[in-house]
Amino acid sequence: MAEKSWDRPAGVAEPTSERLSLVLRALRTLEGQGVHTVSSYQLAERFGMNPAQIRKDLAQFGEFGVRGVGYHVADLKLKLKQLMGLERTRVVVIAGAGNLGQALADSRNFNVEGFKVGALFDVDGRKVGGRSRTGVPILELSTLAQNVATLKAEIGVIAVPAEAALAVARLLAGAGVPAILNFAPASVPPLEGTFVRNVDLTFFLENLSFQLAVRKR
């Protein structure tokens, strides 16, 4: 069956968006390996996903693929990028120019296929005016609002100590940044008009430690 048109619904559950991101990652890998077509079973087998869930997730947006052939890797990759808003570059700003902040700014994951780090911000005068290893400028935190507007930043990343996380989140939201990814070891609550995603590395380490402790019993 030839694929039909697709659409982006108004609301998508977070687990679905996460799985679509995994599918997109898998498609990038396959494209890099020169694979042209892939079935949901092959995707599931190679990348640890569920074939029925893959089909169900994609079915929310239309019909993809050809019966008996599978999905065309390049075509599905393109459509998922469009669906996820990755057809254009979104500027990211990072609050906190310490080791973590600069590592994120220089990371390929933050500067590839739809994302670009525009600037780092810090209060340390010894860092302000400098640049990260790959050349991302480090600016004074007090100038964040004006620079967010100039850069047209849409995503703010928090990489500051726990005690400063909430204040920085409010600063980003007040500057008009519509989405925040928080790496500080303190959860930031939802802010009006701004999506907030907390990524607590300590939480995941503690969970892994728990799993190891249980295994040894």
C-alpha atoms as a PDB file:
ATOM      1  CA  MET A   1       0.000   0.000   0.000  1.00  0.00           C
ATOM      2  CA  ALA A   2       1.428   3.363  -0.974  1.00  0.00           C
ATOM      3  CA  GLU A   3       1.933   5.811   1.860  1.00  0.00           C
ATOM      4  CA  LYS A   4      -0.629   8.511   2.435  1.00  0.00           C
ATOM      5  CA  SER A   5      -0.335  12.026   3.690  1.00  0.00           C
ATOM      6  CA  TRP A   6       0.603  12.645   7.325  1.00  0.00           C
ATOM      7  CA  ASP A   7      -0.320  15.254   9.868  1.00  0.00           C
ATOM      8  CA  ARG A   8       0.923  16.650  13.174  1.00  0.00           C
ATOM      9  CA  PRO A   9      -1.832  16.318  15.823  1.00  0.00           C
ATOM     10  CA  ALA A  10      -2.358  18.985  18.457  1.00  0.00           C
ATOM     11  CA  GLY A  11      -1.273  16.825  21.389  1.00  0.00           C
ATOM     12  CA  VAL A  12       1.132  13.889  21.531  1.00  0.00           C
ATOM     13  CA  ALA A  13       1.930  11.902  24.686  1.00  0.00           C
ATOM     14  CA  GLU A  14       5.485  12.345  25.926  1.00  0.00           C
ATOM     15  CA  PRO A  15       6.327   8.603  25.730  1.00  0.00           C
ATOM     16  CA  THR A  16       5.282   8.675  22.062  1.00  0.00           C
ATOM     17  CA  SER A  17       7.538  11.632  21.292  1.00  0.00           C
ATOM     18  CA  GLU A  18      10.407   9.859  23.046  1.00  0.00           C
ATOM     19  CA  ARG A  19       9.903   6.717  20.979  1.00  0.00           C
ATOM     20  CA  LEU A  20       9.725   8.734  17.760  1.00  0.00           C
ATOM     21  CA  SER A  21      13.063  10.268  18.700  1.00  0.00           C
ATOM     22  CA  LEU A  22      14.495   6.752  19.082  1.00  0.00           C
ATOM     23  CA  VAL A  23      13.099   5.776  15.678  1.00  0.00           C
ATOM     24  CA  LEU A  24      14.666   8.879  14.135  1.00  0.00           C
ATOM     25  CA  ARG A  25      18.004   8.009  15.724  1.00  0.00           C
ATOM     26  CA  ALA A  26      17.745   4.498  14.338  1.00  0.00           C
ATOM     27  CA  LEU A  27      16.957   5.833  10.858  1.00  0.00           C
ATOM     28  CA  ARG A  28      20.014   8.109  10.970  1.00  0.00           C
ATOM     29  CA  THR A  29      22.164   5.097  11.822  1.00  0.00           C
ATOM     30  CA  LEU A  30      20.652   3.008   9.038  1.00  0.00           C
ATOM     31  CA  GLU A  31      21.053   5.795   6.490  1.00  0.00           C
ATOM     32  CA  GLY A  32      24.700   6.127   7.475  1.00  0.00           C
ATOM     33  CA  GLN A  33      25.112   2.399   6.844  1.00  0.00           C
ATOM     34  CA  GLY A  34      23.612   2.693   3.372  1.00  0.00           C
ATOM     35  CA  VAL A  35      20.353   0.898   4.233  1.00  0.00           C
ATOM     36  CA  HIS A  36      17.478   2.051   1.997  1.00  0.00           C
ATOM     37  CA  THR A  37      14.457   0.189   3.372  1.00  0.00           C
ATOM     38  CA  VAL A  38      13.612  -1.274   6.768  1.00  0.00           C
ATOM     39  CA  SER A  39      10.623  -3.023   8.336  1.00  0.00           C
ATOM     40  CA  SER A  40       9.217  -2.366  11.792  1.00  0.00           C
ATOM     41  CA  TYR A  41      10.497  -5.808  12.820  1.00  0.00           C
ATOM     42  CA  GLN A  42      14.023  -4.989  11.676  1.00  0.00           C
ATOM     43  CA  LEU A  43      13.913  -1.653  13.509  1.00  0.00           C
ATOM     44  CA  ALA A  44      12.733  -3.420  16.641  1.00  0.00           C
ATOM     45  CA  GLU A  45      15.333  -6.169  16.423  1.00  0.00           C
ATOM     46  CA  ARG A  46      18.292  -3.891  15.763  1.00  0.00           C
ATOM     47  CA  PHE A  47      17.417  -1.097  18.171  1.00  0.00           C
ATOM     48  CA  GLY A  48      15.528  -2.788  20.997  1.00  0.00           C
ATOM     49  CA  MET A  49      12.056  -1.482  20.211  1.00  0.00           C
ATOM     50  CA  ASN A  50       8.621  -3.055  19.842  1.00  0.00           C
ATOM     51  CA  PRO A  51       7.451  -3.453  16.203  1.00  0.00           C
ATOM     52  CA  ALA A  52       3.754  -3.119  17.040  1.00  0.00           C
ATOM     53  CA  GLN A  53       4.446   0.026  19.063  1.00  0.00           C
ATOM     54  CA  ILE A  54       6.465   1.522  16.208  1.00  0.00           C
ATOM     55  CA  ARG A  55       3.566   0.964  13.806  1.00  0.00           C
ATOM     56  CA  LYS A  56       1.059   2.315  16.330  1.00  0.00           C
ATOM     57  CA  ASP A  57       3.095   5.466  16.960  1.00  0.00           C
ATOM     58  CA  LEU A  58       3.519   6.196  13.257  1.00  0.00           C
ATOM     59  CA  ALA A  59      -0.156   5.460  12.561  1.00  0.00           C
ATOM     60  CA  GLN A  60      -1.087   8.529  14.637  1.00  0.00           C
ATOM     61  CA  PHE A  61       0.290  10.699  11.851  1.00  0.00           C
ATOM     62  CA  GLY A  62      -0.883   8.830   8.775  1.00  0.00           C
ATOM     63  CA  GLU A  63       0.322   5.780   6.879  1.00  0.00           C
ATOM     64  CA  PHE A  64       3.960   5.241   6.054  1.00  0.00           C
ATOM     65  CA  GLY A  65       5.776   2.592   4.089  1.00  0.00           C
ATOM     66  CA  VAL A  66       4.863   0.016   1.492  1.00  0.00           C
ATOM     67  CA  ARG A  67       3.267  -3.324   2.350  1.00  0.00           C
ATOM     68  CA  GLY A  68       5.777  -6.140   1.910  1.00  0.00           C
ATOM     69  CA  VAL A  69       8.662  -3.689   1.542  1.00  0.00           C
ATOM     70  CA  GLY A  70       8.741  -1.631   4.716  1.00  0.00           C
ATOM     71  CA  TYR A  71       9.719   1.971   5.253  1.00  0.00           C
ATOM     72  CA  HIS A  72      11.975   3.956   2.965  1.00  0.00           C
ATOM     73  CA  VAL A  73      14.668   5.098   5.389  1.00  0.00           C
ATOM     74  CA  ALA A  74      15.466   8.492   3.864  1.00  0.00           C
ATOM     75  CA  ASP A  75      11.801   9.358   3.299  1.00  0.00           C
ATOM     76  CA  LEU A  76      10.658   8.374   6.800  1.00  0.00           C
ATOM     77  CA  LYS A  77      13.619  10.193   8.326  1.00  0.00           C
ATOM     78  CA  LEU A  78      12.679  13.380   6.475  1.00  0.00           C
ATOM     79  CA  LYS A  79       9.022  13.154   7.489  1.00  0.00           C
ATOM     80  CA  LEU A  80       9.869  12.514  11.143  1.00  0.00           C
ATOM     81  CA  LYS A  81      12.187  15.527  11.145  1.00  0.00           C
ATOM     82  CA  GLN A  82       9.371  17.660   9.769  1.00  0.00           C
ATOM     83  CA  LEU A  83       6.909  16.191  12.257  1.00  0.00           C
ATOM     84  CA  MET A  84       9.267  16.913  15.172  1.00  0.00           C
ATOM     85  CA  GLY A  85      10.031  20.437  14.018  1.00  0.00           C
ATOM     86  CA  LEU A  86      13.616  19.595  13.061  1.00  0.00           C
ATOM     87  CA  GLU A  87      13.402  20.861   9.499  1.00  0.00           C
ATOM     88  CA  ARG A  88      14.895  24.150  10.702  1.00  0.00           C
ATOM     89  CA  THR A  89      17.609  25.087  13.171  1.00  0.00           C
ATOM     90  CA  ARG A  90      16.555  25.950  16.725  1.00  0.00           C
ATOM     91  CA  VAL A  91      18.972  28.090  18.705  1.00  0.00           C
ATOM     92  CA  VAL A  92      19.954  26.870  22.174  1.00  0.00           C
ATOM     93  CA  VAL A  93      21.389  29.028  24.965  1.00  0.00           C
ATOM     94  CA  ILE A  94      23.092  27.560  28.016  1.00  0.00           C
ATOM     95  CA  ALA A  95      23.079  29.166  31.461  1.00  0.00           C
ATOM     96  CA  GLY A  96      26.230  28.079  33.269  1.00  0.00           C
ATOM     97  CA  ALA A  97      29.673  27.991  31.654  1.00  0.00           C
ATOM     98  CA  GLY A  98      31.256  25.490  34.012  1.00  0.00           C
ATOM     99  CA  ASN A  99      32.567  22.096  32.946  1.00  0.00           C
ATOM    100  CA  LEU A 100      29.089  20.723  32.227  1.00  0.00           C
ATOM    101  CA  GLY A 101      27.821  23.806  30.419  1.00  0.00           C
ATOM    102  CA  GLN A 102      30.845  24.042  28.159  1.00  0.00           C
ATOM    103  CA  ALA A 103      30.815  20.306  27.486  1.00  0.00           C
ATOM    104  CA  LEU A 104      27.174  20.572  26.394  1.00  0.00           C
ATOM    105  CA  ALA A 105      27.914  23.627  24.251  1.00  0.00           C
ATOM    106  CA  ASP A 106      30.679  21.759  22.447  1.00  0.00           C
ATOM    107  CA  SER A 107      28.739  18.511  22.175  1.00  0.00           C
ATOM    108  CA  ARG A 108      27.872  17.332  18.691  1.00  0.00           C
ATOM    109  CA  ASN A 109      24.410  16.379  19.977  1.00  0.00           C
ATOM    110  CA  PHE A 110      23.668  20.048  20.690  1.00  0.00           C
ATOM    111  CA  ASN A 111      24.929  21.226  17.309  1.00  0.00           C
ATOM    112  CA  VAL A 112      23.552  18.827  14.736  1.00  0.00           C
ATOM    113  CA  GLU A 113      20.381  18.381  12.637  1.00  0.00           C
ATOM    114  CA  GLY A 114      18.136  21.104  13.954  1.00  0.00           C
ATOM    115  CA  PHE A 115      20.046  22.543  16.903  1.00  0.00           C
ATOM    116  CA  LYS A 116      22.804  25.103  17.395  1.00  0.00           C
ATOM    117  CA  VAL A 117      24.202  26.540  20.627  1.00  0.00           C
ATOM    118  CA  GLY A 118      24.197  30.315  20.247  1.00  0.00           C
ATOM    119  CA  ALA A 119      25.781  31.347  23.534  1.00  0.00           C
ATOM    120  CA  LEU A 120      26.742  30.420  27.077  1.00  0.00           C
ATOM    121  CA  PHE A 121      25.922  32.681  30.029  1.00  0.00           C
ATOM    122  CA  ASP A 122      27.695  32.981  33.362  1.00  0.00           C
ATOM    123  CA  VAL A 123      28.262  35.346  36.297  1.00  0.00           C
ATOM    124  CA  ASP A 124      31.979  34.561  36.633  1.00  0.00           C
ATOM    125  CA  GLY A 125      33.925  37.517  35.265  1.00  0.00           C
ATOM    126  CA  ARG A 126      36.905  35.253  34.606  1.00  0.00           C
ATOM    127  CA  LYS A 127      34.842  33.327  32.052  1.00  0.00           C
ATOM    128  CA  VAL A 128      32.718  36.117  30.570  1.00  0.00           C
ATOM    129  CA  GLY A 129      34.197  37.352  27.307  1.00  0.00           C
ATOM    130  CA  GLY A 130      35.820  34.021  26.576  1.00  0.00           C
ATOM    131  CA  ARG A 131      34.722  31.137  24.404  1.00  0.00           C
ATOM    132  CA  SER A 132      34.224  27.407  24.709  1.00  0.00           C
ATOM    133  CA  ARG A 133      36.604  25.010  22.984  1.00  0.00           C
ATOM    134  CA  THR A 134      34.535  25.126  19.770  1.00  0.00           C
ATOM    135  CA  GLY A 135      34.072  28.883  19.877  1.00  0.00           C
ATOM    136  CA  VAL A 136      30.713  29.399  21.585  1.00  0.00           C
ATOM    137  CA  PRO A 137      30.816  32.868  23.233  1.00  0.00           C
ATOM    138  CA  ILE A 138      30.446  33.191  27.007  1.00  0.00           C
ATOM    139  CA  LEU A 139      28.315  36.205  27.924  1.00  0.00           C
ATOM    140  CA  GLU A 140      27.300  37.893  31.165  1.00  0.00           C
ATOM    141  CA  LEU A 141      24.145  36.354  32.625  1.00  0.00           C
ATOM    142  CA  SER A 142      22.612  39.790  33.156  1.00  0.00           C
ATOM    143  CA  THR A 143      22.527  40.242  29.353  1.00  0.00           C
ATOM    144  CA  LEU A 144      20.569  37.024  28.794  1.00  0.00           C
ATOM    145  CA  ALA A 145      17.227  38.649  27.944  1.00  0.00           C
ATOM    146  CA  GLN A 146      18.581  40.942  25.228  1.00  0.00           C
ATOM    147  CA  ASN A 147      20.749  38.212  23.739  1.00  0.00           C
ATOM    148  CA  VAL A 148      17.892  35.692  23.716  1.00  0.00           C
ATOM    149  CA  ALA A 149      15.938  38.158  21.601  1.00  0.00           C
ATOM    150  CA  THR A 150      18.902  38.807  19.283  1.00  0.00           C
ATOM    151  CA  LEU A 151      19.695  35.116  18.862  1.00  0.00           C
ATOM    152  CA  LYS A 152      15.992  34.161  18.642  1.00  0.00           C
ATOM    153  CA  ALA A 153      16.724  31.333  21.068  1.00  0.00           C
ATOM    154  CA  GLU A 154      13.949  28.806  21.621  1.00  0.00           C
ATOM    155  CA  ILE A 155      15.579  26.393  24.063  1.00  0.00           C
ATOM    156  CA  GLY A 156      17.365  27.237  27.295  1.00  0.00           C
ATOM    157  CA  VAL A 157      19.636  24.771  29.065  1.00  0.00           C
ATOM    158  CA  ILE A 158      20.340  25.108  32.778  1.00  0.00           C
ATOM    159  CA  ALA A 159      23.769  23.942  33.945  1.00  0.00           C
ATOM    160  CA  VAL A 160      24.159  25.873  37.197  1.00  0.00           C
ATOM    161  CA  PRO A 161      24.346  24.805  40.868  1.00  0.00           C
ATOM    162  CA  ALA A 162      21.119  23.536  42.420  1.00  0.00           C
ATOM    163  CA  GLU A 163      20.504  26.658  44.470  1.00  0.00           C
ATOM    164  CA  ALA A 164      20.487  28.863  41.367  1.00  0.00           C
ATOM    165  CA  ALA A 165      18.362  26.632  39.118  1.00  0.00           C
ATOM    166  CA  LEU A 166      14.930  28.095  39.824  1.00  0.00           C
ATOM    167  CA  ALA A 167      16.076  31.710  39.534  1.00  0.00           C
ATOM    168  CA  VAL A 168      17.796  30.963  36.220  1.00  0.00           C
ATOM    169  CA  ALA A 169      14.720  29.103  34.951  1.00  0.00           C
ATOM    170  CA  ARG A 170      12.573  32.119  35.745  1.00  0.00           C
ATOM    171  CA  LEU A 171      15.104  34.364  34.020  1.00  0.00           C
ATOM    172  CA  LEU A 172      14.942  32.222  30.879  1.00  0.00           C
ATOM    173  CA  ALA A 173      11.148  32.070  30.940  1.00  0.00           C
ATOM    174  CA  GLY A 174      10.937  35.811  31.522  1.00  0.00           C
ATOM    175  CA  ALA A 175      13.201  36.354  28.528  1.00  0.00           C
ATOM    176  CA  GLY A 176      10.684  34.509  26.359  1.00  0.00           C
ATOM    177  CA  VAL A 177      12.464  31.160  26.013  1.00  0.00           C
ATOM    178  CA  PRO A 178       9.611  28.689  25.378  1.00  0.00           C
ATOM    179  CA  ALA A 179      11.411  25.469  26.389  1.00  0.00           C
ATOM    180  CA  ILE A 180      13.912  24.637  29.131  1.00  0.00           C
ATOM    181  CA  LEU A 181      16.122  21.592  29.669  1.00  0.00           C
ATOM    182  CA  ASN A 182      17.356  21.540  33.247  1.00  0.00           C
ATOM    183  CA  PHE A 183      20.560  19.657  34.125  1.00  0.00           C
ATOM    184  CA  ALA A 184      20.893  21.170  37.609  1.00  0.00           C
ATOM    185  CA  PRO A 185      20.544  18.684  40.504  1.00  0.00           C
ATOM    186  CA  ALA A 186      17.278  20.328  41.579  1.00  0.00           C
ATOM    187  CA  SER A 187      13.884  20.010  39.885  1.00  0.00           C
ATOM    188  CA  VAL A 188      12.363  23.104  38.332  1.00  0.00           C
ATOM    189  CA  PRO A 189       8.534  23.216  38.456  1.00  0.00           C
ATOM    190  CA  PRO A 190       6.416  24.013  35.389  1.00  0.00           C
ATOM    191  CA  LEU A 191       6.521  27.683  34.446  1.00  0.00           C
ATOM    192  CA  GLU A 192       3.682  29.491  32.716  1.00  0.00           C
ATOM    193  CA  GLY A 193       4.175  29.545  28.961  1.00  0.00           C
ATOM    194  CA  THR A 194       7.365  27.459  29.117  1.00  0.00           C
ATOM    195  CA  PHE A 195       7.963  23.719  28.735  1.00  0.00           C
ATOM    196  CA  VAL A 196      10.347  22.417  31.397  1.00  0.00           C
ATOM    197  CA  ARG A 197      12.193  19.084  31.260  1.00  0.00           C
ATOM    198  CA  ASN A 198      14.321  18.077  34.247  1.00  0.00           C
ATOM    199  CA  VAL A 199      17.290  15.782  33.608  1.00  0.00           C
ATOM    200  CA  ASP A 200      18.707  14.870  37.016  1.00  0.00           C
ATOM    201  CA  LEU A 201      21.839  12.780  36.449  1.00  0.00           C
ATOM    202  CA  THR A 202      22.055  11.970  40.167  1.00  0.00           C
ATOM    203  CA  PHE A 203      18.540  10.505  40.000  1.00  0.00           C
ATOM    204  CA  PHE A 204      19.584   8.065  37.268  1.00  0.00           C
ATOM    205  CA  LEU A 205      22.810   7.136  39.069  1.00  0.00           C
ATOM    206  CA  GLU A 206      20.885   6.441  42.271  1.00  0.00           C
ATOM    207  CA  ASN A 207      18.410   4.313  40.329  1.00  0.00           C
ATOM    208  CA  LEU A 208      21.259   2.292  38.804  1.00  0.00           C
ATOM    209  CA  SER A 209      22.813   1.874  42.247  1.00  0.00           C
ATOM    210  CA  PHE A 210      19.486   0.576  43.542  1.00  0.00           C
ATOM    211  CA  GLN A 211      19.261  -1.940  40.701  1.00  0.00           C
ATOM    212  CA  LEU A 212      22.782  -3.158  41.461  1.00  0.00           C
ATOM    213  CA  ALA A 213      21.984  -3.444  45.171  1.00  0.00           C
ATOM    214  CA  VAL A 214      18.842  -5.475  44.478  1.00  0.00           C
ATOM    215  CA  ARG A 215      20.708  -7.761  42.074  1.00  0.00           C
ATOM    216  CA  LYS A 216      23.244  -8.682  44.755  1.00  0.00           C
ATOM    217  CA  ARG A 217      20.582  -9.812  47.245  1.00  0.00           C
END
